Amino acid sequence: MTVVVTSKDELIVPMSVRRKAGIKAGDRLQFTVSGSVISIVPKLPYADDVFSPDEAAQIVKARREMRKGKYVPLDELEHGLAHKRPPRRRKTA
């Protein structure tokens, strides 16, 4: 498929191409240029985009502790997570 670059310096990606690539409104795309070849790749979210500042700080702290050889066994982690979850409601008939 061929498109024409407009005088507004904009390049329009046809709907059929976006659909095949899975590009949706609001997606972030990263452009890289190598010679005369342009690659368009979805920009993946960073931890700051996905986690709250408190959660991101906890992840950084956990990674630092793991590098020092400290860790929490899986059963302790699961036990701690289970107690932080709100209790499930039972369905009534």
Protein backbone atom coordinates (compact mmCIF):
# COMPACT_ATOMS: atom_id res chain seq x y z
CA MET A 1 0.00 0.00 0.00
CA THR A 2 1.30 3.45 -0.89
CA VAL A 3 0.40 6.76 0.78
CA VAL A 4 1.39 10.34 -0.02
CA VAL A 5 3.05 12.57 2.58
CA THR A 6 1.13 15.84 2.87
CA SER A 7 2.56 19.33 2.95
CA LYS A 8 1.69 19.46 6.68
CA ASP A 9 4.57 17.03 7.36
CA GLU A 10 2.10 14.40 8.53
CA LEU A 11 2.03 10.77 7.55
CA ILE A 12 -1.31 9.01 7.75
CA VAL A 13 -1.28 5.29 8.45
CA PRO A 14 -4.24 3.71 6.65
CA MET A 15 -6.94 2.07 8.77
CA SER A 16 -6.32 -1.35 7.20
CA VAL A 17 -2.63 -1.19 8.20
CA ARG A 18 -3.47 -0.05 11.74
CA ARG A 19 -6.00 -2.84 12.07
CA LYS A 20 -3.49 -5.50 10.91
CA ALA A 21 -0.83 -4.13 13.29
CA GLY A 22 -3.27 -3.88 16.20
CA ILE A 23 -2.75 -0.12 16.59
CA LYS A 24 -5.61 1.59 18.41
CA ALA A 25 -6.39 5.20 19.28
CA GLY A 26 -4.29 6.31 22.25
CA ASP A 27 -1.46 3.82 21.62
CA ARG A 28 2.07 5.21 21.85
CA LEU A 29 4.40 4.42 18.97
CA GLN A 30 8.18 4.66 18.79
CA PHE A 31 9.80 5.61 15.47
CA THR A 32 13.36 4.52 14.74
CA VAL A 33 15.29 5.42 11.59
CA SER A 34 18.08 3.34 10.09
CA GLY A 35 19.28 4.80 6.81
CA SER A 36 16.15 5.28 4.72
CA VAL A 37 14.10 2.68 6.66
CA ILE A 38 11.61 3.82 9.30
CA SER A 39 10.46 1.26 11.89
CA ILE A 40 7.33 1.85 13.93
CA VAL A 41 7.11 -0.16 17.16
CA PRO A 42 4.57 0.06 20.01
CA LYS A 43 6.04 1.92 22.99
CA LEU A 44 5.76 -0.30 26.05
CA PRO A 45 4.67 1.30 29.33
CA TYR A 46 7.23 1.88 32.03
CA ALA A 47 6.68 1.01 35.67
CA ASP A 48 5.77 4.67 36.32
CA ASP A 49 2.89 4.32 33.84
CA VAL A 50 1.51 1.15 35.43
CA PHE A 51 2.32 1.27 39.14
CA SER A 52 1.62 3.89 41.78
CA PRO A 53 4.70 5.66 43.23
CA ASP A 54 4.41 3.50 46.38
CA GLU A 55 4.24 0.26 44.37
CA ALA A 56 7.20 1.32 42.18
CA ALA A 57 9.24 2.10 45.33
CA GLN A 58 8.41 -1.33 46.76
CA ILE A 59 9.56 -3.00 43.54
CA VAL A 60 12.85 -1.08 43.58
CA LYS A 61 13.38 -2.01 47.25
CA ALA A 62 12.62 -5.69 46.57
CA ARG A 63 15.06 -5.79 43.63
CA ARG A 64 17.77 -4.21 45.79
CA GLU A 65 17.19 -6.79 48.54
CA MET A 66 17.23 -9.67 46.04
CA ARG A 67 20.63 -8.53 44.76
CA LYS A 68 21.85 -8.72 48.37
CA GLY A 69 20.57 -12.30 48.63
CA LYS A 70 17.50 -11.47 50.70
CA TYR A 71 14.16 -12.83 49.59
CA VAL A 72 10.72 -13.83 50.85
CA PRO A 73 9.70 -17.47 50.34
CA LEU A 74 6.70 -17.90 48.03
CA ASP A 75 4.44 -19.34 50.74
CA GLU A 76 5.04 -16.27 52.94
CA LEU A 77 4.33 -13.97 50.01
CA GLU A 78 1.10 -15.78 49.16
CA HIS A 79 0.05 -15.77 52.82
CA GLY A 80 0.65 -12.01 53.05
CA LEU A 81 -1.25 -11.33 49.85
CA ALA A 82 -4.19 -13.49 50.92
CA HIS A 83 -4.64 -11.45 54.10
CA LYS A 84 -4.54 -8.15 52.23
CA ARG A 85 -7.35 -9.12 49.84
CA PRO A 86 -10.91 -8.23 50.78
CA PRO A 87 -12.96 -11.31 51.66
CA ARG A 88 -14.96 -12.81 48.79
CA ARG A 89 -18.69 -12.47 48.89
CA ARG A 90 -20.66 -15.64 48.64
CA LYS A 91 -23.36 -15.78 46.02
CA THR A 92 -26.83 -16.14 47.39
CA ALA A 93 -29.50 -17.98 45.50
